[in-house]
């Protein structure tokens, strides 16, 4: 299963469900280009019909388990509305729960979450407590992986174990240039990034040099 224990308004669980079930992101929306005289309306309708069929077929054929929880009722109500809007009511399970009370929903799976960054002093202390609770949630569950999106330099210390850090520069350079140089295809790279028992941190603000790309590859590969 996929689990976000700090899901907020549901962005990550909903995106995960859309990817897993081949749901086109613009399936239920309209586009300004549809008003152009040169646009083939019948072709657009056919594209939408095919996209809807792919989505419905995937829902019927694939066993997708996606969970999200949050302590804030207000944002959870938004998550429920967003889930319904995407047609994913029977796929994503949301519940109100504090991180300290969260439990992993199966023997193996993936936790993906975007915890608070704690940019201000008071918030920083609260964020560190959240990182500790996240470490407690993952402790003893070697068949679960964690991807945490954070800019905190103290994440590893509070989380309780060393974690590789992958920066936006690393991700961009890896996908655009380094994949072929390293002899990896995209699926192999996703394996390296997503299936390591060592947790992977995406530092969304720190940019790194070219040399750290190589070090990131070595660090991820060595943790497999």
Protein backbone atom coordinates (compact mmCIF):
# COMPACT_ATOMS: atom_id res chain seq x y z
CA UNK A 1 0.00 0.00 0.00
CA UNK A 2 0.79 3.70 -0.29
CA UNK A 3 0.42 5.72 2.92
CA UNK A 4 0.76 9.41 3.70
CA UNK A 5 0.41 9.95 7.47
CA UNK A 6 0.38 13.76 7.06
CA UNK A 7 -1.76 13.95 3.95
CA UNK A 8 -3.25 17.42 4.42
CA UNK A 9 -5.72 18.09 1.63
CA UNK A 10 -4.85 14.76 -0.02
CA UNK A 11 -2.46 15.80 -2.77
CA UNK A 12 0.01 12.91 -2.55
CA UNK A 13 -2.52 10.06 -2.08
CA UNK A 14 -4.67 11.41 -4.92
CA UNK A 15 -1.71 11.81 -7.25
CA UNK A 16 -0.54 8.30 -6.36
CA UNK A 17 -3.99 6.87 -7.11
CA UNK A 18 -4.19 8.70 -10.43
CA UNK A 19 -0.81 7.30 -11.48
CA UNK A 20 -1.61 3.78 -10.28
CA UNK A 21 -4.97 3.74 -12.07
CA UNK A 22 -3.95 5.44 -15.31
CA UNK A 23 -6.29 8.36 -14.69
CA UNK A 24 -5.62 11.31 -16.98
CA UNK A 25 -5.10 14.44 -14.82
CA UNK A 26 -7.39 16.56 -17.01
CA UNK A 27 -10.13 13.96 -17.35
CA UNK A 28 -12.88 16.01 -15.70
CA UNK A 29 -11.85 19.52 -16.75
CA UNK A 30 -12.29 21.66 -19.81
CA UNK A 31 -9.63 23.56 -21.75
CA UNK A 32 -9.74 26.95 -23.48
CA UNK A 33 -8.41 25.40 -26.67
CA UNK A 34 -11.71 23.54 -27.00
CA UNK A 35 -13.29 26.87 -28.03
CA UNK A 36 -11.01 27.22 -31.04
CA UNK A 37 -12.71 26.76 -34.40
CA UNK A 38 -9.86 24.59 -35.65
CA UNK A 39 -10.26 22.01 -32.89
CA UNK A 40 -11.92 18.72 -33.80
CA UNK A 41 -14.61 18.39 -31.11
CA UNK A 42 -15.38 14.80 -32.05
CA UNK A 43 -11.71 13.86 -31.68
CA UNK A 44 -11.58 15.45 -28.24
CA UNK A 45 -14.68 13.55 -27.16
CA UNK A 46 -13.09 10.33 -28.36
CA UNK A 47 -9.88 11.07 -26.44
CA UNK A 48 -11.91 11.68 -23.27
CA UNK A 49 -13.92 8.51 -23.82
CA UNK A 50 -10.77 6.43 -24.24
CA UNK A 51 -9.19 8.02 -21.15
CA UNK A 52 -12.31 7.31 -19.09
CA UNK A 53 -12.34 3.70 -20.28
CA UNK A 54 -8.68 3.24 -19.31
CA UNK A 55 -9.42 4.64 -15.86
CA UNK A 56 -12.48 2.43 -15.33
CA UNK A 57 -10.66 -0.65 -16.60
CA UNK A 58 -7.73 -0.03 -14.27
CA UNK A 59 -10.06 0.39 -11.29
CA UNK A 60 -11.69 -2.93 -12.12
CA UNK A 61 -8.46 -4.85 -12.75
CA UNK A 62 -5.89 -3.39 -10.34
CA UNK A 63 -5.76 -3.88 -6.60
CA UNK A 64 -4.67 -0.45 -5.41
CA UNK A 65 -4.50 0.36 -1.69
CA UNK A 66 -3.89 4.00 -0.81
CA UNK A 67 -4.23 5.53 2.64
CA UNK A 68 -3.95 9.01 4.09
CA UNK A 69 -4.36 10.44 7.55
CA UNK A 70 -4.04 13.83 9.20
CA UNK A 71 -4.80 15.40 12.56
CA UNK A 72 -6.56 18.44 11.02
CA UNK A 73 -10.29 17.94 10.32
CA UNK A 74 -10.43 21.03 8.15
CA UNK A 75 -7.87 19.83 5.62
CA UNK A 76 -9.25 16.30 5.75
CA UNK A 77 -12.61 17.65 4.61
CA UNK A 78 -10.80 19.15 1.64
CA UNK A 79 -9.14 15.80 1.00
CA UNK A 80 -12.54 14.08 0.95
CA UNK A 81 -13.87 16.64 -1.52
CA UNK A 82 -10.81 16.31 -3.76
CA UNK A 83 -11.07 12.51 -3.64
CA UNK A 84 -14.70 12.63 -4.75
CA UNK A 85 -13.92 15.13 -7.50
CA UNK A 86 -11.29 12.75 -8.88
CA UNK A 87 -13.65 9.76 -8.75
CA UNK A 88 -11.47 7.93 -6.24
CA UNK A 89 -13.83 7.40 -3.30
CA UNK A 90 -13.49 3.63 -3.47
CA UNK A 91 -9.70 3.69 -3.81
CA UNK A 92 -8.32 6.10 -1.20
CA UNK A 93 -9.00 5.69 2.52
CA UNK A 94 -8.73 8.86 4.63
CA UNK A 95 -9.01 9.11 8.39
CA UNK A 96 -8.36 11.63 11.15
CA UNK A 97 -5.36 10.54 13.17
CA UNK A 98 -2.34 12.14 14.79
CA UNK A 99 1.04 10.96 13.52
CA UNK A 100 1.94 9.61 16.97
CA UNK A 101 -1.12 7.32 16.79
CA UNK A 102 -0.63 6.24 13.16
CA UNK A 103 -0.04 2.60 12.23
CA UNK A 104 1.19 1.18 8.95
CA UNK A 105 -1.76 -0.51 7.22
CA UNK A 106 0.01 -3.65 5.97
CA UNK A 107 3.21 -5.70 6.28
CA UNK A 108 4.93 -3.88 3.43
CA UNK A 109 4.43 -0.71 1.42
CA UNK A 110 5.60 2.86 0.86
CA UNK A 111 5.23 5.93 3.05
CA UNK A 112 5.44 9.16 1.06
CA UNK A 113 4.87 12.39 2.93
CA UNK A 114 5.56 16.11 3.00
CA UNK A 115 6.06 16.96 6.69
CA UNK A 116 6.26 20.52 8.03
CA UNK A 117 9.56 22.25 7.34
CA UNK A 118 9.78 24.27 10.56
CA UNK A 119 11.27 27.44 9.09
CA UNK A 120 10.55 29.51 12.23
CA UNK A 121 12.07 28.71 15.62
CA UNK A 122 8.87 27.54 17.33
CA UNK A 123 7.80 25.63 14.25
CA UNK A 124 11.26 24.05 14.04
CA UNK A 125 10.81 22.40 17.44
CA UNK A 126 7.40 21.09 16.44
CA UNK A 127 8.79 19.83 13.13
CA UNK A 128 11.59 17.97 14.92
CA UNK A 129 9.00 16.22 17.09
CA UNK A 130 7.13 15.19 13.95
CA UNK A 131 10.32 13.78 12.44
CA UNK A 132 10.87 11.75 15.63
CA UNK A 133 7.33 10.40 15.46
CA UNK A 134 7.86 9.53 11.81
CA UNK A 135 10.96 7.57 12.79
CA UNK A 136 8.96 5.73 15.46
CA UNK A 137 6.28 4.88 12.89
CA UNK A 138 8.85 3.34 10.55
CA UNK A 139 10.94 1.59 13.21
CA UNK A 140 10.99 -2.17 12.87
CA UNK A 141 9.23 -2.13 9.50
CA UNK A 142 12.04 -3.04 7.12
CA UNK A 143 9.62 -3.94 4.33
CA UNK A 144 8.32 -0.37 4.21
CA UNK A 145 10.13 2.45 2.44
CA UNK A 146 9.97 6.15 3.27
CA UNK A 147 10.21 9.19 1.04
CA UNK A 148 10.03 12.46 3.00
CA UNK A 149 10.02 15.85 1.26
CA UNK A 150 11.76 18.28 3.58
CA UNK A 151 14.25 21.12 3.63
CA UNK A 152 15.27 20.44 7.23
CA UNK A 153 18.97 19.83 7.79
CA UNK A 154 18.09 18.20 11.12
CA UNK A 155 15.76 15.58 9.64
CA UNK A 156 18.22 12.69 10.03
CA UNK A 157 19.01 13.53 13.65
CA UNK A 158 15.36 13.73 14.69
CA UNK A 159 14.28 10.81 12.49
CA UNK A 160 16.85 8.59 14.16
CA UNK A 161 18.81 7.12 11.24
CA UNK A 162 21.00 8.32 8.36
CA UNK A 163 19.17 8.97 5.11
CA UNK A 164 20.39 9.76 1.59
CA UNK A 165 19.44 13.23 0.41
CA UNK A 166 18.46 13.84 -3.21
CA UNK A 167 18.22 17.49 -4.27
CA UNK A 168 16.27 18.95 -7.22
CA UNK A 169 19.55 19.40 -9.11
CA UNK A 170 20.35 15.73 -8.60
CA UNK A 171 16.91 14.67 -9.79
CA UNK A 172 16.97 16.85 -12.89
CA UNK A 173 20.50 15.95 -13.86
CA UNK A 174 19.92 12.28 -13.13
CA UNK A 175 16.87 12.01 -15.35
CA UNK A 176 18.11 14.26 -18.14
CA UNK A 177 21.74 13.22 -18.43
CA UNK A 178 23.01 10.70 -15.95
CA UNK A 179 20.56 7.87 -16.67
CA UNK A 180 22.26 6.80 -19.88
CA UNK A 181 25.74 7.52 -18.58
CA UNK A 182 25.09 5.25 -15.60
CA UNK A 183 23.59 2.55 -17.80
CA UNK A 184 20.21 2.80 -16.08
CA UNK A 185 16.75 3.05 -17.53
CA UNK A 186 13.97 4.96 -15.76
CA UNK A 187 12.54 1.84 -14.12
CA UNK A 188 15.94 0.97 -12.68
CA UNK A 189 16.33 4.49 -11.36
CA UNK A 190 12.89 4.37 -9.76
CA UNK A 191 13.96 1.14 -8.09
CA UNK A 192 17.07 2.77 -6.70
CA UNK A 193 15.13 5.77 -5.44
CA UNK A 194 11.99 4.06 -4.20
CA UNK A 195 12.78 0.54 -3.06
CA UNK A 196 15.68 1.01 -0.70
CA UNK A 197 15.16 0.13 2.95
CA UNK A 198 17.19 3.23 3.71
CA UNK A 199 14.93 6.26 3.62
CA UNK A 200 15.24 8.81 0.85
CA UNK A 201 14.90 12.52 1.60
CA UNK A 202 14.03 14.96 -1.16
CA UNK A 203 15.52 18.27 -0.06
CA UNK A 204 13.32 20.65 -2.02
CA UNK A 205 15.40 23.78 -1.49
CA UNK A 206 19.07 22.80 -1.52
CA UNK A 207 20.87 22.73 -4.85
CA UNK A 208 24.00 20.68 -5.26
CA UNK A 209 26.96 20.47 -7.60
CA UNK A 210 27.52 17.96 -10.39
CA UNK A 211 29.92 15.96 -8.20
CA UNK A 212 27.15 15.24 -5.69
CA UNK A 213 25.13 13.53 -8.41
CA UNK A 214 27.69 10.74 -8.51
CA UNK A 215 27.80 10.58 -4.72
CA UNK A 216 24.01 10.37 -4.56
CA UNK A 217 23.99 7.42 -6.96
CA UNK A 218 26.66 5.65 -4.91
CA UNK A 219 24.85 6.36 -1.64
CA UNK A 220 21.50 5.08 -2.89
CA UNK A 221 22.97 2.01 -4.55
CA UNK A 222 24.98 1.07 -1.45
CA UNK A 223 21.84 1.12 0.69
CA UNK A 224 20.05 -1.53 -1.38
